PDB file of N, CA and C in Angstrom:
ATOM      1  N   MET A   1     120.869 110.838 150.051  1.00  0.00           N
ATOM      2  CA  MET A   1     121.393 109.657 149.253  1.00  0.00           C
ATOM      3  C   MET A   1     122.680 109.252 149.918  1.00  0.00           C
ATOM      4  N   GLU A   2     123.430 110.204 150.431  1.00  0.00           N
ATOM      5  CA  GLU A   2     124.745 109.793 151.076  1.00  0.00           C
ATOM      6  C   GLU A   2     124.579 108.895 152.206  1.00  0.00           C
ATOM      7  N   ALA A   3     123.620 109.275 153.114  1.00  0.00           N
ATOM      8  CA  ALA A   3     123.254 108.351 154.250  1.00  0.00           C
ATOM      9  C   ALA A   3     122.869 106.971 153.829  1.00  0.00           C
ATOM     10  N   TYR A   4     122.022 106.935 152.790  1.00  0.00           N
ATOM     11  CA  TYR A   4     121.514 105.678 152.180  1.00  0.00           C
ATOM     12  C   TYR A   4     122.744 104.826 151.745  1.00  0.00           C
ATOM     13  N   ASN A   5     123.597 105.396 150.977  1.00  0.00           N
ATOM     14  CA  ASN A   5     124.766 104.723 150.493  1.00  0.00           C
ATOM     15  C   ASN A   5     125.638 104.168 151.628  1.00  0.00           C
ATOM     16  N   ARG A   6     125.867 105.074 152.626  1.00  0.00           N
ATOM     17  CA  ARG A   6     126.652 104.606 153.862  1.00  0.00           C
ATOM     18  C   ARG A   6     126.011 103.421 154.500  1.00  0.00           C
ATOM     19  N   GLU A   7     124.700 103.487 154.709  1.00  0.00           N
ATOM     20  CA  GLU A   7     123.988 102.389 155.377  1.00  0.00           C
ATOM     21  C   GLU A   7     124.112 101.083 154.545  1.00  0.00           C
ATOM     22  N   GLU A   8     123.877 101.234 153.330  1.00  0.00           N
ATOM     23  CA  GLU A   8     123.909 100.083 152.449  1.00  0.00           C
ATOM     24  C   GLU A   8     125.361  99.403 152.487  1.00  0.00           C
ATOM     25  N   LYS A   9     126.320 100.233 152.485  1.00  0.00           N
ATOM     26  CA  LYS A   9     127.670  99.720 152.555  1.00  0.00           C
ATOM     27  C   LYS A   9     127.880  99.044 153.969  1.00  0.00           C
ATOM     28  N   SER A  10     127.377  99.644 155.017  1.00  0.00           N
ATOM     29  CA  SER A  10     127.654  99.099 156.334  1.00  0.00           C
ATOM     30  C   SER A  10     126.931  97.717 156.566  1.00  0.00           C
ATOM     31  N   VAL A  11     125.782  97.513 155.932  1.00  0.00           N
ATOM     32  CA  VAL A  11     125.100  96.187 156.048  1.00  0.00           C
ATOM     33  C   VAL A  11     125.600  95.197 155.005  1.00  0.00           C
ATOM     34  N   GLY A  12     126.217  95.711 153.898  1.00  0.00           N
ATOM     35  CA  GLY A  12     126.763  94.722 152.924  1.00  0.00           C
ATOM     36  C   GLY A  12     125.855  94.190 151.893  1.00  0.00           C
ATOM     37  N   ILE A  13     124.596  94.676 151.919  1.00  0.00           N
ATOM     38  CA  ILE A  13     123.579  94.180 150.966  1.00  0.00           C
ATOM     39  C   ILE A  13     122.777  95.401 150.461  1.00  0.00           C
ATOM     40  N   GLN A  14     122.114  95.219 149.314  1.00  0.00           N
ATOM     41  CA  GLN A  14     121.261  96.256 148.794  1.00  0.00           C
ATOM     42  C   GLN A  14     120.019  96.478 149.694  1.00  0.00           C
ATOM     43  N   LEU A  15     119.743  97.731 149.963  1.00  0.00           N
ATOM     44  CA  LEU A  15     118.501  97.970 150.801  1.00  0.00           C
ATOM     45  C   LEU A  15     117.324  97.907 149.971  1.00  0.00           C
ATOM     46  N   ALA A  16     116.206  97.414 150.568  1.00  0.00           N
ATOM     47  CA  ALA A  16     114.909  97.349 149.854  1.00  0.00           C
ATOM     48  C   ALA A  16     114.075  98.593 150.201  1.00  0.00           C
ATOM     49  N   VAL A  17     114.541  99.694 149.779  1.00  0.00           N
ATOM     50  CA  VAL A  17     113.969 100.990 150.194  1.00  0.00           C
ATOM     51  C   VAL A  17     113.939 101.894 148.973  1.00  0.00           C
ATOM     52  N   GLU A  18     112.767 102.701 148.783  1.00  0.00           N
ATOM     53  CA  GLU A  18     112.800 103.626 147.731  1.00  0.00           C
ATOM     54  C   GLU A  18     113.251 104.965 148.263  1.00  0.00           C
ATOM     55  N   VAL A  19     114.103 105.760 147.487  1.00  0.00           N
ATOM     56  CA  VAL A  19     114.600 107.006 147.958  1.00  0.00           C
ATOM     57  C   VAL A  19     113.991 107.969 146.954  1.00  0.00           C
ATOM     58  N   GLU A  20     113.067 108.848 147.456  1.00  0.00           N
ATOM     59  CA  GLU A  20     112.416 109.879 146.588  1.00  0.00           C
ATOM     60  C   GLU A  20     112.388 111.174 147.277  1.00  0.00           C
ATOM     61  N   PRO A  21     112.265 112.285 146.483  1.00  0.00           N
ATOM     62  CA  PRO A  21     112.123 113.575 147.127  1.00  0.00           C
ATOM     63  C   PRO A  21     110.838 113.641 147.998  1.00  0.00           C
ATOM     64  N   LEU A  22     110.910 114.357 149.063  1.00  0.00           N
ATOM     65  CA  LEU A  22     109.732 114.475 149.956  1.00  0.00           C
ATOM     66  C   LEU A  22     108.654 115.276 149.236  1.00  0.00           C
ATOM     67  N   LYS A  23     107.435 114.743 149.187  1.00  0.00           N
ATOM     68  CA  LYS A  23     106.312 115.378 148.451  1.00  0.00           C
ATOM     69  C   LYS A  23     105.394 116.103 149.397  1.00  0.00           C
ATOM     70  N   ASN A  24     104.968 115.458 150.431  1.00  0.00           N
ATOM     71  CA  ASN A  24     104.038 116.035 151.360  1.00  0.00           C
ATOM     72  C   ASN A  24     104.608 116.053 152.803  1.00  0.00           C
ATOM     73  N   PHE A  25     104.750 117.203 153.350  1.00  0.00           N
ATOM     74  CA  PHE A  25     105.275 117.268 154.735  1.00  0.00           C
ATOM     75  C   PHE A  25     104.584 118.317 155.518  1.00  0.00           C
ATOM     76  N   TYR A  26     104.069 117.990 156.570  1.00  0.00           N
ATOM     77  CA  TYR A  26     103.390 118.976 157.424  1.00  0.00           C
ATOM     78  C   TYR A  26     104.037 118.958 158.803  1.00  0.00           C
ATOM     79  N   LYS A  27     104.530 120.134 159.254  1.00  0.00           N
ATOM     80  CA  LYS A  27     105.100 120.154 160.608  1.00  0.00           C
ATOM     81  C   LYS A  27     104.010 119.951 161.642  1.00  0.00           C
ATOM     82  N   ALA A  28     104.335 119.160 162.621  1.00  0.00           N
ATOM     83  CA  ALA A  28     103.329 118.864 163.688  1.00  0.00           C
ATOM     84  C   ALA A  28     103.057 120.080 164.471  1.00  0.00           C
ATOM     85  N   GLU A  29     101.934 120.093 165.087  1.00  0.00           N
ATOM     86  CA  GLU A  29     101.477 121.146 165.892  1.00  0.00           C
ATOM     87  C   GLU A  29     102.524 121.473 166.992  1.00  0.00           C
ATOM     88  N   GLU A  30     102.477 122.665 167.458  1.00  0.00           N
ATOM     89  CA  GLU A  30     103.465 123.142 168.425  1.00  0.00           C
ATOM     90  C   GLU A  30     103.537 122.210 169.751  1.00  0.00           C
ATOM     91  N   TYR A  31     102.395 121.760 170.155  1.00  0.00           N
ATOM     92  CA  TYR A  31     102.400 120.900 171.413  1.00  0.00           C
ATOM     93  C   TYR A  31     103.151 119.590 171.165  1.00  0.00           C
ATOM     94  N   HIS A  32     103.383 119.208 169.895  1.00  0.00           N
ATOM     95  CA  HIS A  32     104.137 117.909 169.587  1.00  0.00           C
ATOM     96  C   HIS A  32     105.645 118.211 169.564  1.00  0.00           C
ATOM     97  N   GLN A  33     106.022 119.439 169.337  1.00  0.00           N
ATOM     98  CA  GLN A  33     107.423 119.815 169.219  1.00  0.00           C
ATOM     99  C   GLN A  33     108.094 119.673 170.557  1.00  0.00           C
ATOM    100  N   LYS A  34     109.250 118.977 170.513  1.00  0.00           N
ATOM    101  CA  LYS A  34     110.099 118.822 171.750  1.00  0.00           C
ATOM    102  C   LYS A  34     109.255 118.146 172.783  1.00  0.00           C
ATOM    103  N   TYR A  35     108.462 117.138 172.477  1.00  0.00           N
ATOM    104  CA  TYR A  35     107.500 116.521 173.378  1.00  0.00           C
ATOM    105  C   TYR A  35     108.184 116.096 174.663  1.00  0.00           C
ATOM    106  N   LEU A  36     109.308 115.324 174.519  1.00  0.00           N
ATOM    107  CA  LEU A  36     109.901 114.821 175.782  1.00  0.00           C
ATOM    108  C   LEU A  36     110.557 115.879 176.582  1.00  0.00           C
ATOM    109  N   VAL A  37     110.900 117.016 176.051  1.00  0.00           N
ATOM    110  CA  VAL A  37     111.441 118.075 176.825  1.00  0.00           C
ATOM    111  C   VAL A  37     110.208 118.689 177.636  1.00  0.00           C
ATOM    112  N   LYS A  38     109.076 118.812 177.025  1.00  0.00           N
ATOM    113  CA  LYS A  38     107.956 119.333 177.661  1.00  0.00           C
ATOM    114  C   LYS A  38     107.246 118.310 178.614  1.00  0.00           C
ATOM    115  N   ASN A  39     107.425 117.017 178.293  1.00  0.00           N
ATOM    116  CA  ASN A  39     106.795 115.926 179.077  1.00  0.00           C
ATOM    117  C   ASN A  39     107.873 114.908 179.424  1.00  0.00           C
ATOM    118  N   PRO A  40     108.784 115.163 180.349  1.00  0.00           N
ATOM    119  CA  PRO A  40     109.853 114.246 180.622  1.00  0.00           C
ATOM    120  C   PRO A  40     109.492 112.839 180.986  1.00  0.00           C
ATOM    121  N   GLY A  41     108.360 112.669 181.487  1.00  0.00           N
ATOM    122  CA  GLY A  41     107.861 111.281 181.850  1.00  0.00           C
ATOM    123  C   GLY A  41     107.038 110.692 180.739  1.00  0.00           C
ATOM    124  N   GLY A  42     106.977 111.365 179.570  1.00  0.00           N
ATOM    125  CA  GLY A  42     106.140 110.783 178.498  1.00  0.00           C
ATOM    126  C   GLY A  42     106.737 109.640 177.891  1.00  0.00           C
ATOM    127  N   TYR A  43     105.887 108.842 177.136  1.00  0.00           N
ATOM    128  CA  TYR A  43     106.303 107.582 176.581  1.00  0.00           C
ATOM    129  C   TYR A  43     107.044 107.861 175.265  1.00  0.00           C
ATOM    130  N   CYS A  44     108.144 107.197 175.091  1.00  0.00           N
ATOM    131  CA  CYS A  44     108.772 107.147 173.805  1.00  0.00           C
ATOM    132  C   CYS A  44     109.624 105.855 173.711  1.00  0.00           C
ATOM    133  N   HIS A  45     109.650 105.260 172.547  1.00  0.00           N
ATOM    134  CA  HIS A  45     110.340 103.992 172.356  1.00  0.00           C
ATOM    135  C   HIS A  45     111.788 104.193 172.040  1.00  0.00           C
ATOM    136  N   ILE A  46     112.229 105.440 171.797  1.00  0.00           N
ATOM    137  CA  ILE A  46     113.631 105.770 171.559  1.00  0.00           C
ATOM    138  C   ILE A  46     114.416 105.981 172.854  1.00  0.00           C
ATOM    139  N   PRO A  47     115.539 105.322 172.980  1.00  0.00           N
ATOM    140  CA  PRO A  47     116.331 105.530 174.242  1.00  0.00           C
ATOM    141  C   PRO A  47     116.787 106.958 174.443  1.00  0.00           C
ATOM    142  N   LYS A  48     116.805 107.355 175.699  1.00  0.00           N
ATOM    143  CA  LYS A  48     117.126 108.797 175.973  1.00  0.00           C
ATOM    144  C   LYS A  48     118.495 109.207 175.424  1.00  0.00           C
ATOM    145  N   GLU A  49     119.468 108.246 175.313  1.00  0.00           N
ATOM    146  CA  GLU A  49     120.775 108.517 174.839  1.00  0.00           C
ATOM    147  C   GLU A  49     120.763 109.122 173.385  1.00  0.00           C
ATOM    148  N   MET A  50     119.756 108.617 172.592  1.00  0.00           N
ATOM    149  CA  MET A  50     119.659 108.997 171.218  1.00  0.00           C
ATOM    150  C   MET A  50     119.260 110.458 171.077  1.00  0.00           C
ATOM    151  N   PHE A  51     118.510 110.973 172.099  1.00  0.00           N
ATOM    152  CA  PHE A  51     118.201 112.395 172.079  1.00  0.00           C
ATOM    153  C   PHE A  51     119.457 113.282 172.274  1.00  0.00           C
ATOM    154  N   LYS A  52     120.320 112.872 173.159  1.00  0.00           N
ATOM    155  CA  LYS A  52     121.568 113.547 173.335  1.00  0.00           C
ATOM    156  C   LYS A  52     122.368 113.531 172.100  1.00  0.00           C
ATOM    157  N   LEU A  53     122.477 112.357 171.463  1.00  0.00           N
ATOM    158  CA  LEU A  53     123.225 112.251 170.192  1.00  0.00           C
ATOM    159  C   LEU A  53     122.618 113.167 169.123  1.00  0.00           C
ATOM    160  N   ASN A  54     121.262 113.238 169.013  1.00  0.00           N
ATOM    161  CA  ASN A  54     120.631 113.992 168.074  1.00  0.00           C
ATOM    162  C   ASN A  54     120.934 115.492 168.214  1.00  0.00           C
ATOM    163  N   SER A  55     120.940 115.900 169.530  1.00  0.00           N
ATOM    164  CA  SER A  55     121.251 117.386 169.751  1.00  0.00           C
ATOM    165  C   SER A  55     122.698 117.671 169.441  1.00  0.00           C
ATOM    166  N   GLU A  56     123.569 116.724 169.676  1.00  0.00           N
ATOM    167  CA  GLU A  56     124.969 116.934 169.382  1.00  0.00           C
ATOM    168  C   GLU A  56     125.157 117.084 167.847  1.00  0.00           C
ATOM    169  N   VAL A  57     124.491 116.315 167.057  1.00  0.00           N
ATOM    170  CA  VAL A  57     124.577 116.466 165.623  1.00  0.00           C
ATOM    171  C   VAL A  57     123.964 117.761 165.187  1.00  0.00           C
ATOM    172  N   LYS A  58     122.769 118.083 165.697  1.00  0.00           N
ATOM    173  CA  LYS A  58     122.145 119.398 165.320  1.00  0.00           C
ATOM    174  C   LYS A  58     122.968 120.526 165.674  1.00  0.00           C
ATOM    175  N   ASN A  59     123.681 120.525 166.755  1.00  0.00           N
ATOM    176  CA  ASN A  59     124.566 121.651 167.160  1.00  0.00           C
ATOM    177  C   ASN A  59     125.917 121.579 166.529  1.00  0.00           C
ATOM    178  N   SER A  60     126.228 120.604 165.819  1.00  0.00           N
ATOM    179  CA  SER A  60     127.497 120.523 165.179  1.00  0.00           C
ATOM    180  C   SER A  60     127.612 121.536 163.936  1.00  0.00           C
ATOM    181  N   PRO A  61     128.710 122.113 163.738  1.00  0.00           N
ATOM    182  CA  PRO A  61     128.878 123.047 162.612  1.00  0.00           C
ATOM    183  C   PRO A  61     128.565 122.362 161.246  1.00  0.00           C
ATOM    184  N   THR A  62     128.881 121.019 161.136  1.00  0.00           N
ATOM    185  CA  THR A  62     128.717 120.426 159.862  1.00  0.00           C
ATOM    186  C   THR A  62     127.420 119.528 159.788  1.00  0.00           C
ATOM    187  N   GLY A  63     126.661 119.446 160.918  1.00  0.00           N
ATOM    188  CA  GLY A  63     125.534 118.627 160.983  1.00  0.00           C
ATOM    189  C   GLY A  63     125.785 117.152 161.144  1.00  0.00           C
ATOM    190  N   ASN A  64     127.098 116.834 161.431  1.00  0.00           N
ATOM    191  CA  ASN A  64     127.519 115.414 161.606  1.00  0.00           C
ATOM    192  C   ASN A  64     128.247 115.353 162.935  1.00  0.00           C
ATOM    193  N   LEU A  65     128.391 114.140 163.439  1.00  0.00           N
ATOM    194  CA  LEU A  65     129.195 114.017 164.635  1.00  0.00           C
ATOM    195  C   LEU A  65     130.674 114.004 164.096  1.00  0.00           C
ATOM    196  N   GLU A  66     131.563 114.637 164.826  1.00  0.00           N
ATOM    197  CA  GLU A  66     132.895 114.803 164.360  1.00  0.00           C
ATOM    198  C   GLU A  66     133.815 113.985 165.158  1.00  0.00           C
TER     199      GLU A  66
END
């Protein structure tokens, strides 16, 4: 909810999104995990810089960029 509130504040309008607890989640098969690490030439619409940012957040002690 904290991220939702931050985003809503940053855009300055109420977001049209429902925030609910996760009900059904299934981890993808192993061959999908770290796909671009395993397949560096694979297709992805997310810029490579975002993967670096994601790993920095994951490796941060607080789980946030500091």
